[in-house]
Structures are given as structure tokens and as C-alpha cells.
Amino acid sequence: MPPDEAPASATPPPTFDSLKLSSEVRRAVDELGYVHPTPVQRAVFDPVSRGADLVVQARTGTGKTAAYGLPMVDSVVRRSTAIVQVLVLCPTRELALQVAREMEALAKYRGTKIAAVYGGAPMGTQVQKINEGAQIVAGTPGRVLDHLRRGTLDPKGIRAVVLDESDEMLSMGFLPQIDEILSYLPASRQSLLFSATLPPEIQRLAETRLRNPERS
């Protein structure tokens, strides 16, 4: 039998029926053409939905944005509350924009508002989007910190923070900014750390900034 040919008796991969998605999010997933959740999406959905802190080893291309995006859009964000509730920190503006676009696609029928904030773009435009009721903000550490220091991003309503590509952020020297950002956030927040690798610096970050994190 050719190595890429599965046995006839092999169990088919699970569909998105295996995740307890709302009808609105499931409709968006279907429109995006997603059929089978990736392993990281299956592993992360329930822990994030129940509010656990999490350390996830996941490389780019494994569906990690949807892994945290699906439960954030589906259950973490309170639709009736027009304040920032989820903060996603990204090492680059390109990733921040990509995360915002994917979140918008997943939230298409939920009405969740998303804003991307990053350096090299006008502060005023970003402030306007936040003031218009952004519920999820994806941004680079430097620009997010600028907004927090200026008071243009109110952290009091933030229920969850995601550190995406954490190893990249640390290798780029963002740890001091990340520490300061986290100091602004409510102590009761949920924290998710996604990283392609888990070097000692990431382990220390998880031990000192997350509460009894689960690992996926």
C-alpha cells in the first residue's frame, strides 16, 4: 500500500461538529471552507472556553489563530459589552493585521468588533476604532503600550490576553514592554501563551505571568 494511502478502516478526521460552536460562528467557519479542525484547534477550544490559562506549542501554519480566535469570538467576548475584552499581542504589524482579519472573518455573524493597532500608522485612526466599541484588539507591544500609557486603551474590561508567537516577541526584545502591558491588565484575566518553541525564557514567562497554566 502506498505510504500516503490510508487504510479503508481508518477513522475519518473529526469535523467542526466536534467543537461546540454557536450557529453564527459555525456559519462563518463553513463559509471560510474549513472542514476539519486542526489538532491545535481541537486541543485548545475547551480549555480556552472554560477560562483556563494555557501554554501552547504551535508553529505558524497549524491554525493557531483560529485555535484561540474561535473560542474568543464564540464565548469569551460578551457581545453586549462594547469595550475591549481581548488583547492579542503580536511581534509584527503583519501578524497583527493577519490576526485582525482572521478574527473579523470568524466573527462575521457575531457582530464582534476588532481593531489592529501597530506602529507606523496614525494613532487617531486606531483611537477612533477603539472608541467605536472594539472588543478585540490585536497589536504590537510598542503601540499597545503607547495606547495604555496615553489612556486611549482602557484595560479594565480585558478578560483575556493572548501572547502570539511569544518566542519571536522575546527574541525581538519585547519582554520589558510585555511585562509593563501585563501590569496594566486585571489580575483576574485569562492568559494564553502561544509559541513555536519553548525555551527557558518562555517557561519563565509562563511560570511568572500565568496562573496554573495547562499545556497543549
N, C-alpha and C. Protein backbone atom coordinates (compact mmCIF):
# COMPACT_ATOMS: atom_id res chain seq x y z
N MET A 1 0.86 -1.19 0.00
CA MET A 1 0.00 0.00 0.00
C MET A 1 0.89 1.24 0.00
N PRO A 2 0.64 2.21 -0.87
CA PRO A 2 1.46 3.42 -0.88
C PRO A 2 1.41 4.09 0.49
N PRO A 3 2.53 4.72 0.91
CA PRO A 3 2.58 5.28 2.26
C PRO A 3 1.57 6.39 2.51
N ASP A 4 1.12 7.08 1.44
CA ASP A 4 0.18 8.17 1.66
C ASP A 4 -1.27 7.73 1.52
N GLU A 5 -1.48 6.42 1.39
CA GLU A 5 -2.84 5.91 1.25
C GLU A 5 -3.30 5.33 2.58
N ALA A 6 -4.35 5.89 3.14
CA ALA A 6 -4.82 5.44 4.45
C ALA A 6 -5.59 4.14 4.31
N PRO A 7 -5.52 3.28 5.31
CA PRO A 7 -6.33 2.06 5.27
C PRO A 7 -7.81 2.40 5.21
N ALA A 8 -8.57 1.53 4.60
CA ALA A 8 -10.00 1.79 4.43
C ALA A 8 -10.70 1.90 5.77
N SER A 9 -10.16 1.27 6.80
CA SER A 9 -10.81 1.26 8.10
C SER A 9 -10.39 2.44 8.98
N ALA A 10 -9.51 3.32 8.44
CA ALA A 10 -9.02 4.43 9.25
C ALA A 10 -10.18 5.35 9.65
N THR A 11 -10.12 5.85 10.90
CA THR A 11 -11.16 6.76 11.38
C THR A 11 -11.02 8.11 10.68
N PRO A 12 -12.10 8.61 10.10
CA PRO A 12 -12.00 9.91 9.42
C PRO A 12 -11.73 11.02 10.42
N PRO A 13 -11.03 12.07 10.01
CA PRO A 13 -10.75 13.17 10.95
C PRO A 13 -12.05 13.84 11.40
N PRO A 14 -12.07 14.34 12.62
CA PRO A 14 -13.30 14.98 13.11
C PRO A 14 -13.61 16.26 12.34
N THR A 15 -14.88 16.58 12.26
CA THR A 15 -15.31 17.83 11.65
C THR A 15 -15.52 18.88 12.75
N PHE A 16 -15.97 20.07 12.35
CA PHE A 16 -16.23 21.11 13.34
C PHE A 16 -17.45 20.81 14.20
N ASP A 17 -18.15 19.71 13.89
CA ASP A 17 -19.21 19.26 14.79
C ASP A 17 -18.64 18.88 16.14
N SER A 18 -17.33 18.57 16.18
CA SER A 18 -16.70 18.16 17.44
C SER A 18 -16.48 19.34 18.40
N LEU A 19 -16.60 20.56 17.87
CA LEU A 19 -16.49 21.76 18.71
C LEU A 19 -17.88 22.33 18.94
N LYS A 20 -18.12 22.79 20.13
CA LYS A 20 -19.45 23.32 20.47
C LYS A 20 -19.54 24.79 20.04
N LEU A 21 -19.63 25.00 18.74
CA LEU A 21 -19.67 26.35 18.20
C LEU A 21 -21.11 26.86 18.11
N SER A 22 -21.27 28.16 18.31
CA SER A 22 -22.58 28.78 18.09
C SER A 22 -22.91 28.70 16.60
N SER A 23 -24.16 28.86 16.29
CA SER A 23 -24.58 28.77 14.88
C SER A 23 -23.94 29.88 14.05
N GLU A 24 -23.74 31.07 14.66
CA GLU A 24 -23.15 32.17 13.90
C GLU A 24 -21.69 31.88 13.54
N VAL A 25 -20.93 31.38 14.50
CA VAL A 25 -19.53 31.10 14.24
C VAL A 25 -19.39 29.89 13.31
N ARG A 26 -20.25 28.91 13.48
CA ARG A 26 -20.20 27.74 12.60
C ARG A 26 -20.50 28.16 11.15
N ARG A 27 -21.43 29.08 10.98
CA ARG A 27 -21.74 29.57 9.63
C ARG A 27 -20.52 30.25 9.01
N ALA A 28 -19.81 31.05 9.80
CA ALA A 28 -18.60 31.71 9.30
C ALA A 28 -17.52 30.69 8.95
N VAL A 29 -17.36 29.68 9.80
CA VAL A 29 -16.37 28.63 9.55
C VAL A 29 -16.68 27.90 8.25
N ASP A 30 -17.95 27.59 8.04
CA ASP A 30 -18.35 26.90 6.82
C ASP A 30 -18.07 27.76 5.59
N GLU A 31 -18.36 29.06 5.70
CA GLU A 31 -18.13 29.95 4.56
C GLU A 31 -16.63 30.08 4.24
N LEU A 32 -15.79 29.97 5.26
CA LEU A 32 -14.35 30.03 5.04
C LEU A 32 -13.81 28.74 4.41
N GLY A 33 -14.65 27.73 4.36
CA GLY A 33 -14.25 26.47 3.75
C GLY A 33 -13.51 25.54 4.69
N TYR A 34 -13.53 25.84 5.98
CA TYR A 34 -12.88 24.96 6.94
C TYR A 34 -13.78 23.74 7.18
N VAL A 35 -13.19 22.56 7.10
CA VAL A 35 -13.96 21.32 7.27
C VAL A 35 -13.53 20.55 8.51
N HIS A 36 -12.22 20.41 8.69
CA HIS A 36 -11.69 19.64 9.80
C HIS A 36 -10.85 20.54 10.70
N PRO A 37 -11.17 20.65 11.98
CA PRO A 37 -10.31 21.44 12.87
C PRO A 37 -8.93 20.79 12.98
N THR A 38 -7.90 21.62 13.05
CA THR A 38 -6.55 21.10 13.19
C THR A 38 -6.35 20.58 14.61
N PRO A 39 -5.30 19.79 14.84
CA PRO A 39 -5.08 19.28 16.20
C PRO A 39 -5.00 20.38 17.26
N VAL A 40 -4.34 21.49 16.96
CA VAL A 40 -4.25 22.55 17.97
C VAL A 40 -5.61 23.20 18.19
N GLN A 41 -6.43 23.31 17.18
CA GLN A 41 -7.77 23.86 17.36
C GLN A 41 -8.62 22.96 18.24
N ARG A 42 -8.51 21.66 18.05
CA ARG A 42 -9.27 20.73 18.89
C ARG A 42 -8.77 20.76 20.33
N ALA A 43 -7.45 20.85 20.50
CA ALA A 43 -6.86 20.79 21.85
C ALA A 43 -7.16 22.04 22.66
N VAL A 44 -7.27 23.18 22.00
CA VAL A 44 -7.34 24.46 22.70
C VAL A 44 -8.77 24.90 22.98
N PHE A 45 -9.74 24.47 22.19
CA PHE A 45 -11.08 25.05 22.25
C PHE A 45 -11.70 24.95 23.65
N ASP A 46 -11.75 23.78 24.22
CA ASP A 46 -12.41 23.62 25.51
C ASP A 46 -11.69 24.35 26.65
N PRO A 47 -10.35 24.23 26.77
CA PRO A 47 -9.67 24.96 27.85
C PRO A 47 -9.86 26.47 27.77
N VAL A 48 -9.80 27.02 26.56
CA VAL A 48 -9.99 28.47 26.42
C VAL A 48 -11.43 28.83 26.77
N SER A 49 -12.38 28.04 26.32
CA SER A 49 -13.79 28.33 26.57
C SER A 49 -14.12 28.34 28.06
N ARG A 50 -13.43 27.50 28.84
CA ARG A 50 -13.73 27.46 30.28
C ARG A 50 -12.82 28.37 31.09
N GLY A 51 -11.99 29.18 30.42
CA GLY A 51 -11.24 30.22 31.11
C GLY A 51 -9.88 29.83 31.62
N ALA A 52 -9.34 28.70 31.20
CA ALA A 52 -8.04 28.26 31.69
C ALA A 52 -6.91 29.08 31.08
N ASP A 53 -5.84 29.27 31.86
CA ASP A 53 -4.60 29.79 31.30
C ASP A 53 -3.93 28.63 30.55
N LEU A 54 -3.20 28.97 29.49
CA LEU A 54 -2.74 27.91 28.60
C LEU A 54 -1.38 28.26 28.00
N VAL A 55 -0.51 27.26 27.91
CA VAL A 55 0.74 27.37 27.16
C VAL A 55 0.63 26.39 25.99
N VAL A 56 0.74 26.91 24.78
CA VAL A 56 0.53 26.08 23.58
C VAL A 56 1.75 26.17 22.69
N GLN A 57 2.30 25.02 22.35
CA GLN A 57 3.40 25.00 21.38
C GLN A 57 2.80 24.78 20.00
N ALA A 58 2.87 25.80 19.16
CA ALA A 58 2.23 25.72 17.83
C ALA A 58 2.98 26.61 16.86
N ARG A 59 3.33 26.06 15.74
CA ARG A 59 4.03 26.82 14.72
C ARG A 59 3.05 27.52 13.80
N THR A 60 3.55 28.51 13.07
CA THR A 60 2.75 29.16 12.05
C THR A 60 2.32 28.12 11.02
N GLY A 61 1.06 28.20 10.61
CA GLY A 61 0.55 27.25 9.62
C GLY A 61 -0.21 26.10 10.23
N THR A 62 -0.33 26.07 11.56
CA THR A 62 -1.06 24.99 12.22
C THR A 62 -2.48 25.39 12.58
N GLY A 63 -2.88 26.60 12.19
CA GLY A 63 -4.23 27.06 12.51
C GLY A 63 -4.34 27.65 13.90
N LYS A 64 -3.22 28.20 14.41
CA LYS A 64 -3.22 28.68 15.80
C LYS A 64 -4.09 29.91 15.99
N THR A 65 -4.18 30.79 14.97
CA THR A 65 -5.02 31.98 15.16
C THR A 65 -6.47 31.58 15.38
N ALA A 66 -6.97 30.66 14.56
CA ALA A 66 -8.34 30.18 14.77
C ALA A 66 -8.45 29.37 16.06
N ALA A 67 -7.34 28.75 16.49
CA ALA A 67 -7.38 27.96 17.73
C ALA A 67 -7.81 28.82 18.90
N TYR A 68 -7.23 30.03 19.01
CA TYR A 68 -7.70 30.90 20.10
C TYR A 68 -8.83 31.82 19.63
N GLY A 69 -8.87 32.11 18.32
CA GLY A 69 -9.90 33.01 17.81
C GLY A 69 -11.30 32.44 17.92
N LEU A 70 -11.47 31.17 17.65
CA LEU A 70 -12.80 30.56 17.71
C LEU A 70 -13.42 30.68 19.11
N PRO A 71 -12.75 30.21 20.17
CA PRO A 71 -13.38 30.34 21.49
C PRO A 71 -13.48 31.79 21.96
N MET A 72 -12.53 32.65 21.55
CA MET A 72 -12.62 34.05 21.96
C MET A 72 -13.87 34.70 21.38
N VAL A 73 -14.08 34.51 20.09
CA VAL A 73 -15.23 35.10 19.42
C VAL A 73 -16.52 34.43 19.89
N ASP A 74 -16.46 33.12 20.11
CA ASP A 74 -17.67 32.36 20.39
C ASP A 74 -18.17 32.53 21.82
N SER A 75 -17.26 32.58 22.80
CA SER A 75 -17.74 32.56 24.18
C SER A 75 -17.07 33.56 25.12
N VAL A 76 -15.82 33.95 24.85
CA VAL A 76 -15.13 34.83 25.78
C VAL A 76 -15.66 36.26 25.67
N VAL A 77 -15.80 36.76 24.44
CA VAL A 77 -16.28 38.13 24.25
C VAL A 77 -17.78 38.20 24.51
N ARG A 78 -18.17 39.15 25.35
CA ARG A 78 -19.58 39.39 25.62
C ARG A 78 -20.09 40.39 24.58
N ARG A 79 -20.97 39.93 23.73
CA ARG A 79 -21.39 40.74 22.58
C ARG A 79 -22.05 42.05 22.98
N SER A 80 -22.73 42.06 24.11
CA SER A 80 -23.48 43.25 24.51
C SER A 80 -22.60 44.32 25.16
N THR A 81 -21.31 44.03 25.35
CA THR A 81 -20.41 44.95 26.03
C THR A 81 -19.42 45.53 25.02
N ALA A 82 -19.55 46.83 24.75
CA ALA A 82 -18.77 47.48 23.69
C ALA A 82 -17.48 48.09 24.24
N ILE A 83 -16.65 47.24 24.87
CA ILE A 83 -15.33 47.66 25.35
C ILE A 83 -14.34 46.58 24.96
N VAL A 84 -13.05 46.93 25.05
CA VAL A 84 -12.02 45.95 24.73
C VAL A 84 -12.02 44.85 25.79
N GLN A 85 -12.18 43.61 25.34
CA GLN A 85 -12.23 42.46 26.24
C GLN A 85 -11.13 41.46 26.00
N VAL A 86 -10.56 41.45 24.79
CA VAL A 86 -9.49 40.52 24.45
C VAL A 86 -8.35 41.32 23.82
N LEU A 87 -7.14 41.07 24.29
CA LEU A 87 -5.94 41.71 23.75
C LEU A 87 -5.02 40.63 23.21
N VAL A 88 -4.64 40.75 21.93
CA VAL A 88 -3.71 39.81 21.31
C VAL A 88 -2.43 40.57 20.99
N LEU A 89 -1.32 40.15 21.58
CA LEU A 89 -0.03 40.78 21.32
C LEU A 89 0.73 39.97 20.26
N CYS A 90 1.25 40.66 19.26
CA CYS A 90 1.93 40.03 18.13
C CYS A 90 3.28 40.70 17.91
N PRO A 91 4.27 39.96 17.42
CA PRO A 91 5.60 40.56 17.25
C PRO A 91 5.70 41.55 16.10
N THR A 92 4.84 41.45 15.09
CA THR A 92 4.94 42.32 13.91
C THR A 92 3.59 42.88 13.52
N ARG A 93 3.62 44.01 12.80
CA ARG A 93 2.37 44.59 12.33
C ARG A 93 1.68 43.66 11.34
N GLU A 94 2.49 42.91 10.56
CA GLU A 94 1.90 41.99 9.59
C GLU A 94 1.06 40.92 10.30
N LEU A 95 1.59 40.39 11.40
CA LEU A 95 0.83 39.37 12.12
C LEU A 95 -0.39 40.00 12.81
N ALA A 96 -0.24 41.21 13.35
CA ALA A 96 -1.37 41.87 13.98
C ALA A 96 -2.51 42.07 12.98
N LEU A 97 -2.17 42.49 11.77
CA LEU A 97 -3.19 42.68 10.73
C LEU A 97 -3.80 41.35 10.31
N GLN A 98 -2.96 40.33 10.21
CA GLN A 98 -3.46 39.00 9.83
C GLN A 98 -4.42 38.46 10.89
N VAL A 99 -4.06 38.61 12.15
CA VAL A 99 -4.92 38.16 13.25
C VAL A 99 -6.25 38.91 13.22
N ALA A 100 -6.19 40.23 13.04
CA ALA A 100 -7.42 41.02 13.00
C ALA A 100 -8.32 40.58 11.85
N ARG A 101 -7.73 40.33 10.69
CA ARG A 101 -8.53 39.90 9.53
C ARG A 101 -9.19 38.55 9.79
N GLU A 102 -8.42 37.63 10.36
CA GLU A 102 -8.99 36.30 10.61
C GLU A 102 -10.07 36.35 11.69
N MET A 103 -9.85 37.15 12.71
CA MET A 103 -10.86 37.31 13.76
C MET A 103 -12.14 37.91 13.17
N GLU A 104 -12.00 38.90 12.30
CA GLU A 104 -13.16 39.51 11.66
C GLU A 104 -13.94 38.48 10.85
N ALA A 105 -13.22 37.61 10.15
CA ALA A 105 -13.89 36.58 9.35
C ALA A 105 -14.65 35.61 10.25
N LEU A 106 -14.04 35.20 11.36
CA LEU A 106 -14.70 34.27 12.28
C LEU A 106 -15.89 34.92 12.97
N ALA A 107 -15.80 36.24 13.20
CA ALA A 107 -16.85 36.96 13.93
C ALA A 107 -17.88 37.59 13.00
N LYS A 108 -17.85 37.24 11.73
CA LYS A 108 -18.69 37.90 10.73
C LYS A 108 -20.16 37.98 11.13
N TYR A 109 -20.68 36.92 11.72
CA TYR A 109 -22.11 36.88 12.08
C TYR A 109 -22.35 37.07 13.57
N ARG A 110 -21.30 37.37 14.30
CA ARG A 110 -21.45 37.63 15.74
C ARG A 110 -21.50 39.13 16.03
N GLY A 111 -21.03 39.92 15.09
CA GLY A 111 -21.03 41.36 15.29
C GLY A 111 -19.90 41.86 16.17
N THR A 112 -18.92 41.00 16.44
CA THR A 112 -17.78 41.40 17.26
C THR A 112 -16.92 42.39 16.50
N LYS A 113 -16.49 43.45 17.17
CA LYS A 113 -15.66 44.48 16.54
C LYS A 113 -14.20 44.26 16.89
N ILE A 114 -13.34 44.35 15.87
CA ILE A 114 -11.92 44.08 16.05
C ILE A 114 -11.12 45.27 15.54
N ALA A 115 -10.04 45.60 16.25
CA ALA A 115 -9.14 46.67 15.82
C ALA A 115 -7.71 46.17 15.85
N ALA A 116 -6.93 46.59 14.85
CA ALA A 116 -5.49 46.31 14.82
C ALA A 116 -4.74 47.59 15.16
N VAL A 117 -3.80 47.53 16.08
CA VAL A 117 -3.01 48.70 16.45
C VAL A 117 -1.52 48.35 16.32
N TYR A 118 -0.78 49.23 15.65
CA TYR A 118 0.63 48.96 15.39
C TYR A 118 1.31 50.27 15.02
N GLY A 119 2.63 50.29 15.16
CA GLY A 119 3.39 51.48 14.85
C GLY A 119 3.42 51.77 13.36
N GLY A 120 3.72 53.03 13.04
CA GLY A 120 3.78 53.44 11.65
C GLY A 120 2.44 53.78 11.05
N ALA A 121 1.40 53.76 11.85
CA ALA A 121 0.05 54.13 11.40
C ALA A 121 -0.47 55.21 12.34
N PRO A 122 -1.41 56.05 11.87
CA PRO A 122 -1.90 57.15 12.70
C PRO A 122 -2.56 56.66 13.98
N MET A 123 -2.20 57.27 15.10
CA MET A 123 -2.83 56.93 16.38
C MET A 123 -4.32 57.26 16.34
N GLY A 124 -4.66 58.40 15.72
CA GLY A 124 -6.04 58.86 15.72
C GLY A 124 -7.01 57.85 15.14
N THR A 125 -6.62 57.23 14.04
CA THR A 125 -7.48 56.23 13.41
C THR A 125 -7.70 55.04 14.34
N GLN A 126 -6.62 54.63 15.01
CA GLN A 126 -6.73 53.50 15.93
C GLN A 126 -7.58 53.85 17.14
N VAL A 127 -7.41 55.06 17.67
CA VAL A 127 -8.21 55.51 18.80
C VAL A 127 -9.69 55.52 18.42
N GLN A 128 -9.97 55.96 17.20
CA GLN A 128 -11.36 56.00 16.75
C GLN A 128 -11.97 54.61 16.73
N LYS A 129 -11.22 53.63 16.22
CA LYS A 129 -11.75 52.26 16.17
C LYS A 129 -11.97 51.71 17.58
N ILE A 130 -11.07 52.02 18.48
CA ILE A 130 -11.26 51.56 19.87
C ILE A 130 -12.50 52.22 20.47
N ASN A 131 -12.63 53.52 20.24
CA ASN A 131 -13.77 54.25 20.80
C ASN A 131 -15.10 53.84 20.18
N GLU A 132 -15.05 53.30 18.99
CA GLU A 132 -16.29 52.85 18.33
C GLU A 132 -16.76 51.50 18.85
N GLY A 133 -16.07 50.97 19.85
CA GLY A 133 -16.54 49.75 20.51
C GLY A 133 -15.78 48.49 20.18
N ALA A 134 -14.48 48.64 19.81
CA ALA A 134 -13.68 47.44 19.55
C ALA A 134 -13.69 46.54 20.77
N GLN A 135 -13.95 45.25 20.55
CA GLN A 135 -13.98 44.28 21.65
C GLN A 135 -12.74 43.39 21.67
N ILE A 136 -12.07 43.29 20.53
CA ILE A 136 -10.80 42.57 20.43
C ILE A 136 -9.78 43.50 19.79
N VAL A 137 -8.62 43.63 20.41
CA VAL A 137 -7.52 44.42 19.86
C VAL A 137 -6.34 43.50 19.61
N ALA A 138 -5.83 43.52 18.39
CA ALA A 138 -4.60 42.80 18.04
C ALA A 138 -3.54 43.85 17.75
N GLY A 139 -2.40 43.75 18.42
CA GLY A 139 -1.42 44.80 18.21
C GLY A 139 -0.01 44.40 18.59
N THR A 140 0.92 45.25 18.19
CA THR A 140 2.32 45.06 18.56
C THR A 140 2.56 45.65 19.95
N PRO A 141 3.51 45.11 20.70
CA PRO A 141 3.70 45.56 22.09
C PRO A 141 3.95 47.06 22.22
N GLY A 142 4.80 47.61 21.35
CA GLY A 142 5.12 49.02 21.47
C GLY A 142 3.91 49.92 21.31
N ARG A 143 3.09 49.66 20.31
CA ARG A 143 1.93 50.51 20.08
C ARG A 143 0.83 50.27 21.11
N VAL A 144 0.64 49.03 21.53
CA VAL A 144 -0.33 48.76 22.59
C VAL A 144 0.07 49.51 23.86
N LEU A 145 1.36 49.49 24.18
CA LEU A 145 1.83 50.19 25.37
C LEU A 145 1.62 51.70 25.24
N ASP A 146 1.84 52.24 24.04
CA ASP A 146 1.57 53.66 23.80
C ASP A 146 0.11 53.99 24.15
N HIS A 147 -0.81 53.17 23.68
CA HIS A 147 -2.23 53.42 23.95
C HIS A 147 -2.54 53.32 25.44
N LEU A 148 -1.94 52.34 26.11
CA LEU A 148 -2.19 52.19 27.55
C LEU A 148 -1.65 53.39 28.32
N ARG A 149 -0.45 53.83 27.98
CA ARG A 149 0.15 54.97 28.69
C ARG A 149 -0.64 56.25 28.46
N ARG A 150 -1.18 56.41 27.25
CA ARG A 150 -1.94 57.62 26.92
C ARG A 150 -3.38 57.57 27.42
N GLY A 151 -3.80 56.39 27.85
CA GLY A 151 -5.17 56.25 28.30
C GLY A 151 -6.18 56.09 27.17
N THR A 152 -5.69 55.83 25.96
CA THR A 152 -6.61 55.65 24.82
C THR A 152 -7.07 54.20 24.67
N LEU A 153 -6.50 53.31 25.47
CA LEU A 153 -6.97 51.92 25.55
C LEU A 153 -7.22 51.61 27.02
N ASP A 154 -8.48 51.46 27.38
CA ASP A 154 -8.85 51.18 28.77
C ASP A 154 -8.71 49.67 29.03
N PRO A 155 -7.81 49.28 29.93
CA PRO A 155 -7.57 47.86 30.16
C PRO A 155 -8.54 47.20 31.14
N LYS A 156 -9.39 47.98 31.79
CA LYS A 156 -10.17 47.42 32.91
C LYS A 156 -11.12 46.31 32.48
N GLY A 157 -11.59 46.33 31.23
CA GLY A 157 -12.54 45.32 30.79
C GLY A 157 -11.91 44.12 30.11
N ILE A 158 -10.57 44.07 30.07
CA ILE A 158 -9.90 42.97 29.36
C ILE A 158 -10.02 41.68 30.15
N ARG A 159 -10.63 40.69 29.52
CA ARG A 159 -10.88 39.41 30.16
C ARG A 159 -9.84 38.36 29.78
N ALA A 160 -9.15 38.59 28.64
CA ALA A 160 -8.16 37.60 28.18
C ALA A 160 -7.07 38.29 27.38
N VAL A 161 -5.85 37.79 27.55
CA VAL A 161 -4.72 38.28 26.76
C VAL A 161 -4.06 37.08 26.09
N VAL A 162 -3.69 37.26 24.82
CA VAL A 162 -3.01 36.22 24.06
C VAL A 162 -1.62 36.73 23.69
N LEU A 163 -0.60 35.98 24.01
CA LEU A 163 0.77 36.29 23.57
C LEU A 163 1.07 35.37 22.40
N ASP A 164 0.93 35.91 21.19
CA ASP A 164 1.09 35.10 19.97
C ASP A 164 2.54 35.17 19.50
N GLU A 165 3.08 34.02 19.11
CA GLU A 165 4.49 33.91 18.71
C GLU A 165 5.39 34.53 19.80
N SER A 166 5.19 34.03 21.02
CA SER A 166 5.89 34.57 22.18
C SER A 166 7.40 34.50 22.03
N ASP A 167 7.90 33.40 21.48
CA ASP A 167 9.35 33.28 21.34
C ASP A 167 9.90 34.36 20.41
N GLU A 168 9.15 34.71 19.37
CA GLU A 168 9.57 35.78 18.47
C GLU A 168 9.58 37.12 19.20
N MET A 169 8.55 37.38 20.00
CA MET A 169 8.50 38.65 20.73
C MET A 169 9.66 38.77 21.70
N LEU A 170 10.00 37.67 22.38
CA LEU A 170 11.12 37.73 23.32
C LEU A 170 12.44 37.90 22.59
N SER A 171 12.61 37.22 21.44
CA SER A 171 13.87 37.33 20.71
C SER A 171 14.04 38.73 20.12
N MET A 172 12.93 39.46 19.94
CA MET A 172 13.00 40.82 19.41
C MET A 172 13.12 41.85 20.52
N GLY A 173 13.24 41.39 21.77
CA GLY A 173 13.48 42.29 22.88
C GLY A 173 12.25 42.94 23.47
N PHE A 174 11.07 42.33 23.28
CA PHE A 174 9.83 42.93 23.75
C PHE A 174 9.46 42.59 25.19
N LEU A 175 10.29 41.81 25.89
CA LEU A 175 9.89 41.39 27.23
C LEU A 175 9.58 42.56 28.18
N PRO A 176 10.39 43.63 28.22
CA PRO A 176 10.04 44.74 29.11
C PRO A 176 8.67 45.36 28.78
N GLN A 177 8.37 45.52 27.49
CA GLN A 177 7.06 46.06 27.11
C GLN A 177 5.94 45.11 27.49
N ILE A 178 6.16 43.81 27.29
CA ILE A 178 5.13 42.82 27.64
C ILE A 178 4.87 42.86 29.14
N ASP A 179 5.93 42.91 29.93
CA ASP A 179 5.77 42.98 31.39
C ASP A 179 4.96 44.22 31.78
N GLU A 180 5.27 45.36 31.16
CA GLU A 180 4.54 46.58 31.50
C GLU A 180 3.09 46.49 31.07
N ILE A 181 2.84 45.95 29.89
CA ILE A 181 1.45 45.78 29.42
C ILE A 181 0.67 44.91 30.39
N LEU A 182 1.25 43.78 30.79
CA LEU A 182 0.55 42.87 31.69
C LEU A 182 0.26 43.53 33.03
N SER A 183 1.10 44.47 33.45
CA SER A 183 0.88 45.16 34.73
C SER A 183 -0.36 46.04 34.69
N TYR A 184 -0.79 46.43 33.49
CA TYR A 184 -2.00 47.25 33.35
C TYR A 184 -3.28 46.40 33.41
N LEU A 185 -3.16 45.12 33.14
CA LEU A 185 -4.35 44.29 32.93
C LEU A 185 -4.91 43.77 34.25
N PRO A 186 -6.21 43.48 34.29
CA PRO A 186 -6.81 42.93 35.52
C PRO A 186 -6.13 41.62 35.93
N ALA A 187 -5.93 41.44 37.23
CA ALA A 187 -5.29 40.22 37.73
C ALA A 187 -6.13 38.99 37.43
N SER A 188 -7.42 39.17 37.24
CA SER A 188 -8.32 38.03 37.02
C SER A 188 -8.36 37.58 35.57
N ARG A 189 -7.57 38.22 34.71
CA ARG A 189 -7.64 37.90 33.27
C ARG A 189 -7.21 36.46 33.00
N GLN A 190 -7.64 35.97 31.86
CA GLN A 190 -7.16 34.70 31.31
C GLN A 190 -5.95 35.00 30.43
N SER A 191 -4.92 34.16 30.49
CA SER A 191 -3.71 34.39 29.71
C SER A 191 -3.38 33.16 28.88
N LEU A 192 -3.11 33.39 27.60
CA LEU A 192 -2.76 32.32 26.67
C LEU A 192 -1.42 32.64 26.03
N LEU A 193 -0.52 31.69 26.08
CA LEU A 193 0.82 31.87 25.52
C LEU A 193 1.01 30.87 24.39
N PHE A 194 1.18 31.38 23.17
CA PHE A 194 1.42 30.54 22.01
C PHE A 194 2.85 30.75 21.54
N SER A 195 3.57 29.66 21.31
CA SER A 195 4.96 29.77 20.94
C SER A 195 5.37 28.56 20.09
N ALA A 196 6.19 28.80 19.07
CA ALA A 196 6.66 27.69 18.23
C ALA A 196 7.66 26.84 19.00
N THR A 197 8.43 27.48 19.87
CA THR A 197 9.40 26.77 20.70
C THR A 197 9.18 27.17 22.15
N LEU A 198 9.70 26.38 23.05
CA LEU A 198 9.52 26.66 24.48
C LEU A 198 10.88 26.74 25.19
N PRO A 199 11.67 27.77 24.85
CA PRO A 199 12.96 27.94 25.51
C PRO A 199 12.76 28.35 26.97
N PRO A 200 13.85 28.36 27.76
CA PRO A 200 13.72 28.70 29.19
C PRO A 200 13.04 30.04 29.44
N GLU A 201 13.27 31.03 28.55
CA GLU A 201 12.66 32.35 28.74
C GLU A 201 11.14 32.26 28.68
N ILE A 202 10.64 31.42 27.78
CA ILE A 202 9.19 31.24 27.66
C ILE A 202 8.65 30.50 28.88
N GLN A 203 9.40 29.51 29.35
CA GLN A 203 8.99 28.77 30.54
C GLN A 203 8.88 29.71 31.74
N ARG A 204 9.85 30.61 31.88
CA ARG A 204 9.82 31.55 33.00
C ARG A 204 8.65 32.51 32.86
N LEU A 205 8.39 32.96 31.64
CA LEU A 205 7.25 33.86 31.42
C LEU A 205 5.95 33.17 31.82
N ALA A 206 5.82 31.90 31.44
CA ALA A 206 4.61 31.16 31.80
C ALA A 206 4.48 30.98 33.31
N GLU A 207 5.61 30.69 33.95
CA GLU A 207 5.58 30.44 35.40
C GLU A 207 5.27 31.70 36.20
N THR A 208 5.71 32.86 35.70
CA THR A 208 5.57 34.09 36.47
C THR A 208 4.35 34.91 36.08
N ARG A 209 3.80 34.70 34.89
CA ARG A 209 2.71 35.56 34.42
C ARG A 209 1.39 34.82 34.21
N LEU A 210 1.40 33.49 34.24
CA LEU A 210 0.17 32.72 34.06
C LEU A 210 -0.19 32.02 35.36
N ARG A 211 -1.47 31.68 35.50
CA ARG A 211 -1.96 31.04 36.72
C ARG A 211 -2.22 29.56 36.45
N ASN A 212 -1.40 28.70 37.03
CA ASN A 212 -1.56 27.24 36.87
C ASN A 212 -1.88 26.86 35.43
N PRO A 213 -1.01 27.26 34.49
CA PRO A 213 -1.34 27.04 33.08
C PRO A 213 -1.38 25.57 32.69
N GLU A 214 -2.34 25.25 31.85
CA GLU A 214 -2.39 23.94 31.21
C GLU A 214 -1.52 24.01 29.96
N ARG A 215 -1.12 22.85 29.46
CA ARG A 215 -0.24 22.81 28.28
C ARG A 215 -0.87 21.99 27.17
N SER A 216 -0.70 22.50 25.96
CA SER A 216 -1.24 21.79 24.78
C SER A 216 -0.17 21.72 23.70
